PDB file of N, CA and C in Angstrom:
ATOM      1  N   MET A   1     111.325  38.889 139.011  1.00  0.00           N
ATOM      2  CA  MET A   1     110.024  38.526 139.526  1.00  0.00           C
ATOM      3  C   MET A   1     110.019  37.026 139.811  1.00  0.00           C
ATOM      4  N   ALA A   2     109.600  36.638 141.000  1.00  0.00           N
ATOM      5  CA  ALA A   2     109.553  35.231 141.389  1.00  0.00           C
ATOM      6  C   ALA A   2     108.367  34.547 140.724  1.00  0.00           C
ATOM      7  N   SER A   3     108.507  33.243 140.505  1.00  0.00           N
ATOM      8  CA  SER A   3     107.372  32.507 139.955  1.00  0.00           C
ATOM      9  C   SER A   3     106.343  32.290 141.052  1.00  0.00           C
ATOM     10  N   HIS A   4     105.076  32.150 140.655  1.00  0.00           N
ATOM     11  CA  HIS A   4     104.021  31.921 141.635  1.00  0.00           C
ATOM     12  C   HIS A   4     104.166  30.525 142.207  1.00  0.00           C
ATOM     13  N   GLY A   5     103.887  30.375 143.456  1.00  0.00           N
ATOM     14  CA  GLY A   5     103.957  29.073 144.090  1.00  0.00           C
ATOM     15  C   GLY A   5     104.285  29.217 145.560  1.00  0.00           C
ATOM     16  N   ILE A   6     104.172  28.107 146.264  1.00  0.00           N
ATOM     17  CA  ILE A   6     104.383  28.114 147.707  1.00  0.00           C
ATOM     18  C   ILE A   6     105.717  27.472 148.033  1.00  0.00           C
ATOM     19  N   GLU A   7     106.535  28.180 148.816  1.00  0.00           N
ATOM     20  CA  GLU A   7     107.781  27.623 149.314  1.00  0.00           C
ATOM     21  C   GLU A   7     107.521  27.071 150.698  1.00  0.00           C
ATOM     22  N   GLY A   8     107.879  25.850 150.932  1.00  0.00           N
ATOM     23  CA  GLY A   8     107.669  25.253 152.247  1.00  0.00           C
ATOM     24  C   GLY A   8     106.869  23.974 152.123  1.00  0.00           C
ATOM     25  N   ALA A   9     106.522  23.414 153.254  1.00  0.00           N
ATOM     26  CA  ALA A   9     105.822  22.130 153.284  1.00  0.00           C
ATOM     27  C   ALA A   9     104.326  22.333 153.035  1.00  0.00           C
ATOM     28  N   THR A  10     103.527  21.473 153.623  1.00  0.00           N
ATOM     29  CA  THR A  10     102.083  21.595 153.476  1.00  0.00           C
ATOM     30  C   THR A  10     101.587  22.811 154.251  1.00  0.00           C
ATOM     31  N   LEU A  11     100.382  23.257 153.931  1.00  0.00           N
ATOM     32  CA  LEU A  11      99.834  24.441 154.579  1.00  0.00           C
ATOM     33  C   LEU A  11      99.146  24.065 155.884  1.00  0.00           C
ATOM     34  N   PRO A  12      99.719  24.435 157.014  1.00  0.00           N
ATOM     35  CA  PRO A  12      99.132  24.098 158.306  1.00  0.00           C
ATOM     36  C   PRO A  12      98.113  25.117 158.787  1.00  0.00           C
ATOM     37  N   GLY A  13      97.742  26.068 157.936  1.00  0.00           N
ATOM     38  CA  GLY A  13      96.847  27.133 158.360  1.00  0.00           C
ATOM     39  C   GLY A  13      97.573  28.457 158.467  1.00  0.00           C
ATOM     40  N   ASP A  14      98.903  28.438 158.347  1.00  0.00           N
ATOM     41  CA  ASP A  14      99.701  29.660 158.331  1.00  0.00           C
ATOM     42  C   ASP A  14     100.242  29.846 156.918  1.00  0.00           C
ATOM     43  N   LEU A  15     100.211  31.080 156.428  1.00  0.00           N
ATOM     44  CA  LEU A  15     100.693  31.367 155.082  1.00  0.00           C
ATOM     45  C   LEU A  15     101.049  32.838 154.994  1.00  0.00           C
ATOM     46  N   LEU A  16     102.128  33.138 154.301  1.00  0.00           N
ATOM     47  CA  LEU A  16     102.512  34.519 154.024  1.00  0.00           C
ATOM     48  C   LEU A  16     102.422  34.724 152.524  1.00  0.00           C
ATOM     49  N   ILE A  17     101.520  35.592 152.107  1.00  0.00           N
ATOM     50  CA  ILE A  17     101.353  35.937 150.693  1.00  0.00           C
ATOM     51  C   ILE A  17     102.199  37.182 150.459  1.00  0.00           C
ATOM     52  N   LYS A  18     103.207  37.073 149.588  1.00  0.00           N
ATOM     53  CA  LYS A  18     104.184  38.147 149.381  1.00  0.00           C
ATOM     54  C   LYS A  18     104.037  38.777 147.998  1.00  0.00           C
ATOM     55  N   GLY A  19     104.142  40.093 147.962  1.00  0.00           N
ATOM     56  CA  GLY A  19     104.280  40.807 146.703  1.00  0.00           C
ATOM     57  C   GLY A  19     103.019  40.975 145.885  1.00  0.00           C
ATOM     58  N   ALA A  20     101.864  40.789 146.473  1.00  0.00           N
ATOM     59  CA  ALA A  20     100.616  40.947 145.732  1.00  0.00           C
ATOM     60  C   ALA A  20     100.252  42.422 145.618  1.00  0.00           C
ATOM     61  N   THR A  21      99.385  42.727 144.688  1.00  0.00           N
ATOM     62  CA  THR A  21      98.721  44.020 144.686  1.00  0.00           C
ATOM     63  C   THR A  21      97.513  43.841 145.594  1.00  0.00           C
ATOM     64  N   VAL A  22      97.509  44.528 146.733  1.00  0.00           N
ATOM     65  CA  VAL A  22      96.504  44.303 147.773  1.00  0.00           C
ATOM     66  C   VAL A  22      95.462  45.415 147.721  1.00  0.00           C
ATOM     67  N   LEU A  23      94.203  45.013 147.723  1.00  0.00           N
ATOM     68  CA  LEU A  23      93.082  45.946 147.724  1.00  0.00           C
ATOM     69  C   LEU A  23      92.273  45.700 148.987  1.00  0.00           C
ATOM     70  N   THR A  24      92.207  46.703 149.863  1.00  0.00           N
ATOM     71  CA  THR A  24      91.429  46.563 151.103  1.00  0.00           C
ATOM     72  C   THR A  24      90.437  47.711 151.213  1.00  0.00           C
ATOM     73  N   SER A  25      89.376  47.499 151.967  1.00  0.00           N
ATOM     74  CA  SER A  25      88.387  48.556 152.171  1.00  0.00           C
ATOM     75  C   SER A  25      88.976  49.702 152.990  1.00  0.00           C
ATOM     76  N   ALA A  26      90.006  49.414 153.775  1.00  0.00           N
ATOM     77  CA  ALA A  26      90.642  50.457 154.585  1.00  0.00           C
ATOM     78  C   ALA A  26      91.371  51.476 153.714  1.00  0.00           C
ATOM     79  N   GLN A  27      91.697  51.093 152.483  1.00  0.00           N
ATOM     80  CA  GLN A  27      92.440  51.981 151.593  1.00  0.00           C
ATOM     81  C   GLN A  27      91.518  52.719 150.630  1.00  0.00           C
ATOM     82  N   ALA A  28      90.231  52.744 150.900  1.00  0.00           N
ATOM     83  CA  ALA A  28      89.260  53.427 150.028  1.00  0.00           C
ATOM     84  C   ALA A  28      89.388  52.947 148.589  1.00  0.00           C
ATOM     85  N   CYS A  29      89.515  51.637 148.441  1.00  0.00           N
ATOM     86  CA  CYS A  29      89.583  50.990 147.117  1.00  0.00           C
ATOM     87  C   CYS A  29      90.813  51.387 146.308  1.00  0.00           C
ATOM     88  N   GLU A  30      91.897  51.709 146.971  1.00  0.00           N
ATOM     89  CA  GLU A  30      93.157  51.949 146.288  1.00  0.00           C
ATOM     90  C   GLU A  30      94.047  50.730 146.478  1.00  0.00           C
ATOM     91  N   ALA A  31      94.616  50.246 145.397  1.00  0.00           N
ATOM     92  CA  ALA A  31      95.481  49.077 145.466  1.00  0.00           C
ATOM     93  C   ALA A  31      96.918  49.509 145.695  1.00  0.00           C
ATOM     94  N   SER A  32      97.652  48.715 146.470  1.00  0.00           N
ATOM     95  CA  SER A  32      99.068  48.977 146.698  1.00  0.00           C
ATOM     96  C   SER A  32      99.797  47.657 146.868  1.00  0.00           C
ATOM     97  N   ALA A  33     101.096  47.672 146.617  1.00  0.00           N
ATOM     98  CA  ALA A  33     101.897  46.463 146.783  1.00  0.00           C
ATOM     99  C   ALA A  33     101.962  46.109 148.263  1.00  0.00           C
ATOM    100  N   GLY A  34     101.815  44.826 148.561  1.00  0.00           N
ATOM    101  CA  GLY A  34     101.871  44.433 149.963  1.00  0.00           C
ATOM    102  C   GLY A  34     101.827  42.936 150.157  1.00  0.00           C
ATOM    103  N   ASP A  35     101.756  42.561 151.421  1.00  0.00           N
ATOM    104  CA  ASP A  35     101.775  41.163 151.828  1.00  0.00           C
ATOM    105  C   ASP A  35     100.584  40.901 152.742  1.00  0.00           C
ATOM    106  N   ILE A  36     100.229  39.632 152.872  1.00  0.00           N
ATOM    107  CA  ILE A  36      99.143  39.215 153.761  1.00  0.00           C
ATOM    108  C   ILE A  36      99.639  38.037 154.582  1.00  0.00           C
ATOM    109  N   LEU A  37      99.554  38.157 155.900  1.00  0.00           N
ATOM    110  CA  LEU A  37      99.953  37.076 156.795  1.00  0.00           C
ATOM    111  C   LEU A  37      98.696  36.401 157.336  1.00  0.00           C
ATOM    112  N   ILE A  38      98.635  35.097 157.149  1.00  0.00           N
ATOM    113  CA  ILE A  38      97.513  34.299 157.643  1.00  0.00           C
ATOM    114  C   ILE A  38      98.036  33.390 158.744  1.00  0.00           C
ATOM    115  N   ARG A  39      97.404  33.442 159.906  1.00  0.00           N
ATOM    116  CA  ARG A  39      97.764  32.599 161.055  1.00  0.00           C
ATOM    117  C   ARG A  39      96.557  31.766 161.452  1.00  0.00           C
ATOM    118  N   ASP A  40      96.733  30.454 161.500  1.00  0.00           N
ATOM    119  CA  ASP A  40      95.646  29.531 161.849  1.00  0.00           C
ATOM    120  C   ASP A  40      94.410  29.781 161.005  1.00  0.00           C
ATOM    121  N   GLY A  41      94.606  30.085 159.704  1.00  0.00           N
ATOM    122  CA  GLY A  41      93.502  30.268 158.779  1.00  0.00           C
ATOM    123  C   GLY A  41      92.803  31.612 158.882  1.00  0.00           C
ATOM    124  N   ILE A  42      93.339  32.537 159.674  1.00  0.00           N
ATOM    125  CA  ILE A  42      92.723  33.850 159.874  1.00  0.00           C
ATOM    126  C   ILE A  42      93.714  34.929 159.443  1.00  0.00           C
ATOM    127  N   ILE A  43      93.226  35.946 158.734  1.00  0.00           N
ATOM    128  CA  ILE A  43      94.087  37.052 158.332  1.00  0.00           C
ATOM    129  C   ILE A  43      94.568  37.770 159.585  1.00  0.00           C
ATOM    130  N   ALA A  44      95.883  37.760 159.786  1.00  0.00           N
ATOM    131  CA  ALA A  44      96.469  38.351 160.988  1.00  0.00           C
ATOM    132  C   ALA A  44      97.045  39.736 160.737  1.00  0.00           C
ATOM    133  N   GLN A  45      97.568  39.949 159.531  1.00  0.00           N
ATOM    134  CA  GLN A  45      98.247  41.214 159.261  1.00  0.00           C
ATOM    135  C   GLN A  45      98.273  41.461 157.762  1.00  0.00           C
ATOM    136  N   VAL A  46      98.111  42.725 157.366  1.00  0.00           N
ATOM    137  CA  VAL A  46      98.204  43.136 155.965  1.00  0.00           C
ATOM    138  C   VAL A  46      99.098  44.354 155.903  1.00  0.00           C
ATOM    139  N   GLY A  47     100.077  44.330 154.999  1.00  0.00           N
ATOM    140  CA  GLY A  47     100.963  45.479 154.858  1.00  0.00           C
ATOM    141  C   GLY A  47     102.197  45.123 154.056  1.00  0.00           C
ATOM    142  N   PRO A  48     103.016  46.089 153.753  1.00  0.00           N
ATOM    143  CA  PRO A  48     104.240  45.825 152.985  1.00  0.00           C
ATOM    144  C   PRO A  48     105.358  45.267 153.864  1.00  0.00           C
ATOM    145  N   GLY A  49     106.192  44.423 153.276  1.00  0.00           N
ATOM    146  CA  GLY A  49     107.401  43.952 153.945  1.00  0.00           C
ATOM    147  C   GLY A  49     107.187  43.050 155.147  1.00  0.00           C
ATOM    148  N   LEU A  50     106.096  42.280 155.169  1.00  0.00           N
ATOM    149  CA  LEU A  50     105.853  41.399 156.313  1.00  0.00           C
ATOM    150  C   LEU A  50     106.848  40.242 156.323  1.00  0.00           C
ATOM    151  N   VAL A  51     107.254  39.816 157.515  1.00  0.00           N
ATOM    152  CA  VAL A  51     108.177  38.701 157.704  1.00  0.00           C
ATOM    153  C   VAL A  51     107.581  37.775 158.740  1.00  0.00           C
ATOM    154  N   ALA A  52     107.630  36.464 158.466  1.00  0.00           N
ATOM    155  CA  ALA A  52     107.140  35.471 159.426  1.00  0.00           C
ATOM    156  C   ALA A  52     108.009  34.225 159.285  1.00  0.00           C
ATOM    157  N   ASP A  53     108.916  34.018 160.210  1.00  0.00           N
ATOM    158  CA  ASP A  53     109.836  32.879 160.152  1.00  0.00           C
ATOM    159  C   ASP A  53     109.079  31.568 160.247  1.00  0.00           C
ATOM    160  N   GLY A  54     109.465  30.621 159.402  1.00  0.00           N
ATOM    161  CA  GLY A  54     108.902  29.280 159.443  1.00  0.00           C
ATOM    162  C   GLY A  54     107.525  29.146 158.816  1.00  0.00           C
ATOM    163  N   VAL A  55     107.021  30.206 158.204  1.00  0.00           N
ATOM    164  CA  VAL A  55     105.695  30.169 157.582  1.00  0.00           C
ATOM    165  C   VAL A  55     105.868  29.990 156.076  1.00  0.00           C
ATOM    166  N   PRO A  56     105.104  29.074 155.453  1.00  0.00           N
ATOM    167  CA  PRO A  56     105.187  28.935 153.997  1.00  0.00           C
ATOM    168  C   PRO A  56     104.873  30.263 153.312  1.00  0.00           C
ATOM    169  N   VAL A  57     105.569  30.514 152.196  1.00  0.00           N
ATOM    170  CA  VAL A  57     105.422  31.775 151.463  1.00  0.00           C
ATOM    171  C   VAL A  57     104.837  31.496 150.088  1.00  0.00           C
ATOM    172  N   PHE A  58     103.790  32.252 149.729  1.00  0.00           N
ATOM    173  CA  PHE A  58     103.218  32.205 148.381  1.00  0.00           C
ATOM    174  C   PHE A  58     103.633  33.494 147.687  1.00  0.00           C
ATOM    175  N   HIS A  59     104.391  33.360 146.587  1.00  0.00           N
ATOM    176  CA  HIS A  59     104.839  34.525 145.832  1.00  0.00           C
ATOM    177  C   HIS A  59     103.723  34.941 144.881  1.00  0.00           C
ATOM    178  N   ALA A  60     103.143  36.108 145.126  1.00  0.00           N
ATOM    179  CA  ALA A  60     101.963  36.552 144.389  1.00  0.00           C
ATOM    180  C   ALA A  60     102.244  37.763 143.505  1.00  0.00           C
ATOM    181  N   ASP A  61     103.474  37.893 143.029  1.00  0.00           N
ATOM    182  CA  ASP A  61     103.810  38.990 142.128  1.00  0.00           C
ATOM    183  C   ASP A  61     102.885  38.951 140.920  1.00  0.00           C
ATOM    184  N   GLY A  62     102.298  40.083 140.588  1.00  0.00           N
ATOM    185  CA  GLY A  62     101.413  40.156 139.434  1.00  0.00           C
ATOM    186  C   GLY A  62      99.990  39.704 139.722  1.00  0.00           C
ATOM    187  N   CYS A  63      99.697  39.360 140.973  1.00  0.00           N
ATOM    188  CA  CYS A  63      98.352  38.913 141.351  1.00  0.00           C
ATOM    189  C   CYS A  63      97.661  39.981 142.188  1.00  0.00           C
ATOM    190  N   LEU A  64      96.345  40.020 142.094  1.00  0.00           N
ATOM    191  CA  LEU A  64      95.540  40.904 142.919  1.00  0.00           C
ATOM    192  C   LEU A  64      95.005  40.101 144.091  1.00  0.00           C
ATOM    193  N   ALA A  65      95.161  40.614 145.299  1.00  0.00           N
ATOM    194  CA  ALA A  65      94.656  39.954 146.500  1.00  0.00           C
ATOM    195  C   ALA A  65      93.679  40.897 147.199  1.00  0.00           C
ATOM    196  N   ILE A  66      92.517  40.352 147.571  1.00  0.00           N
ATOM    197  CA  ILE A  66      91.506  41.141 148.271  1.00  0.00           C
ATOM    198  C   ILE A  66      91.212  40.401 149.574  1.00  0.00           C
ATOM    199  N   PRO A  67      91.955  40.724 150.656  1.00  0.00           N
ATOM    200  CA  PRO A  67      91.791  39.995 151.902  1.00  0.00           C
ATOM    201  C   PRO A  67      90.377  40.150 152.467  1.00  0.00           C
ATOM    202  N   GLY A  68      89.795  39.026 152.853  1.00  0.00           N
ATOM    203  CA  GLY A  68      88.472  39.045 153.468  1.00  0.00           C
ATOM    204  C   GLY A  68      87.324  39.000 152.490  1.00  0.00           C
ATOM    205  N   LEU A  69      87.601  39.027 151.173  1.00  0.00           N
ATOM    206  CA  LEU A  69      86.523  38.980 150.192  1.00  0.00           C
ATOM    207  C   LEU A  69      85.861  37.612 150.217  1.00  0.00           C
ATOM    208  N   ILE A  70      84.561  37.608 150.307  1.00  0.00           N
ATOM    209  CA  ILE A  70      83.791  36.370 150.247  1.00  0.00           C
ATOM    210  C   ILE A  70      83.044  36.362 148.927  1.00  0.00           C
ATOM    211  N   ASN A  71      83.195  35.303 148.161  1.00  0.00           N
ATOM    212  CA  ASN A  71      82.549  35.196 146.861  1.00  0.00           C
ATOM    213  C   ASN A  71      81.064  34.903 147.062  1.00  0.00           C
ATOM    214  N   ALA A  72      80.234  35.921 146.897  1.00  0.00           N
ATOM    215  CA  ALA A  72      78.788  35.759 147.066  1.00  0.00           C
ATOM    216  C   ALA A  72      78.092  35.491 145.732  1.00  0.00           C
ATOM    217  N   HIS A  73      78.848  35.365 144.670  1.00  0.00           N
ATOM    218  CA  HIS A  73      78.272  35.144 143.343  1.00  0.00           C
ATOM    219  C   HIS A  73      78.843  33.846 142.785  1.00  0.00           C
ATOM    220  N   LEU A  74      78.190  32.759 143.080  1.00  0.00           N
ATOM    221  CA  LEU A  74      78.689  31.439 142.723  1.00  0.00           C
ATOM    222  C   LEU A  74      77.630  30.680 141.938  1.00  0.00           C
ATOM    223  N   HIS A  75      78.043  30.006 140.894  1.00  0.00           N
ATOM    224  CA  HIS A  75      77.100  29.301 140.029  1.00  0.00           C
ATOM    225  C   HIS A  75      77.095  27.794 140.250  1.00  0.00           C
ATOM    226  N   SER A  76      77.659  27.308 141.319  1.00  0.00           N
ATOM    227  CA  SER A  76      77.722  25.867 141.541  1.00  0.00           C
ATOM    228  C   SER A  76      76.361  25.182 141.530  1.00  0.00           C
ATOM    229  N   PRO A  77      75.296  25.752 142.131  1.00  0.00           N
ATOM    230  CA  PRO A  77      74.001  25.064 142.079  1.00  0.00           C
ATOM    231  C   PRO A  77      73.511  24.817 140.651  1.00  0.00           C
ATOM    232  N   GLY A  78      73.916  25.661 139.715  1.00  0.00           N
ATOM    233  CA  GLY A  78      73.531  25.466 138.318  1.00  0.00           C
ATOM    234  C   GLY A  78      74.094  24.186 137.728  1.00  0.00           C
ATOM    235  N   ASN A  79      75.204  23.689 138.281  1.00  0.00           N
ATOM    236  CA  ASN A  79      75.790  22.443 137.779  1.00  0.00           C
ATOM    237  C   ASN A  79      74.870  21.251 138.004  1.00  0.00           C
ATOM    238  N   LEU A  80      74.013  21.309 139.004  1.00  0.00           N
ATOM    239  CA  LEU A  80      73.096  20.206 139.280  1.00  0.00           C
ATOM    240  C   LEU A  80      72.065  20.042 138.176  1.00  0.00           C
ATOM    241  N   MET A  81      71.732  21.131 137.487  1.00  0.00           N
ATOM    242  CA  MET A  81      70.721  21.089 136.432  1.00  0.00           C
ATOM    243  C   MET A  81      71.326  21.029 135.031  1.00  0.00           C
ATOM    244  N   ARG A  82      72.636  21.003 134.923  1.00  0.00           N
ATOM    245  CA  ARG A  82      73.295  21.015 133.619  1.00  0.00           C
ATOM    246  C   ARG A  82      72.812  19.845 132.755  1.00  0.00           C
ATOM    247  N   GLY A  83      72.400  20.168 131.538  1.00  0.00           N
ATOM    248  CA  GLY A  83      71.986  19.148 130.578  1.00  0.00           C
ATOM    249  C   GLY A  83      70.547  18.688 130.712  1.00  0.00           C
ATOM    250  N   THR A  84      69.840  19.108 131.750  1.00  0.00           N
ATOM    251  CA  THR A  84      68.469  18.616 131.936  1.00  0.00           C
ATOM    252  C   THR A  84      67.425  19.485 131.252  1.00  0.00           C
ATOM    253  N   LEU A  85      67.747  20.735 130.992  1.00  0.00           N
ATOM    254  CA  LEU A  85      66.768  21.635 130.396  1.00  0.00           C
ATOM    255  C   LEU A  85      67.258  22.211 129.058  1.00  0.00           C
ATOM    256  N   ASP A  86      68.131  21.491 128.383  1.00  0.00           N
ATOM    257  CA  ASP A  86      68.662  21.957 127.107  1.00  0.00           C
ATOM    258  C   ASP A  86      67.538  22.130 126.090  1.00  0.00           C
ATOM    259  N   GLY A  87      67.646  23.150 125.279  1.00  0.00           N
ATOM    260  CA  GLY A  87      66.686  23.377 124.213  1.00  0.00           C
ATOM    261  C   GLY A  87      65.477  24.205 124.629  1.00  0.00           C
ATOM    262  N   LEU A  88      65.337  24.518 125.906  1.00  0.00           N
ATOM    263  CA  LEU A  88      64.216  25.343 126.326  1.00  0.00           C
ATOM    264  C   LEU A  88      64.578  26.807 126.167  1.00  0.00           C
ATOM    265  N   PRO A  89      63.590  27.662 125.863  1.00  0.00           N
ATOM    266  CA  PRO A  89      63.896  29.083 125.732  1.00  0.00           C
ATOM    267  C   PRO A  89      64.273  29.698 127.075  1.00  0.00           C
ATOM    268  N   LEU A  90      65.095  30.735 127.040  1.00  0.00           N
ATOM    269  CA  LEU A  90      65.562  31.388 128.254  1.00  0.00           C
ATOM    270  C   LEU A  90      64.660  32.555 128.670  1.00  0.00           C
ATOM    271  N   GLU A  91      63.480  32.641 128.072  1.00  0.00           N
ATOM    272  CA  GLU A  91      62.557  33.748 128.377  1.00  0.00           C
ATOM    273  C   GLU A  91      61.826  33.520 129.666  1.00  0.00           C
TER     274      GLU A  91
END
């Protein structure tokens, strides 16, 4: 099993994620081993055994990848109020 990390130079917007457990809506929520090719910051291809010459590779063995997932549950705005309302009841 390869260690996690990116082989290649800086990320120019192209990236090949190799060996992840990929979960897509097209698979009816079934996970399978596969790769994700990103071109110019956009998901271009998802599937097993993808090859892209000259593209940096991220070895994602043991990682779960959900292409296209947008995190709609973020607590960052709560950081603005941190420490200002300490000691008040949460009711």
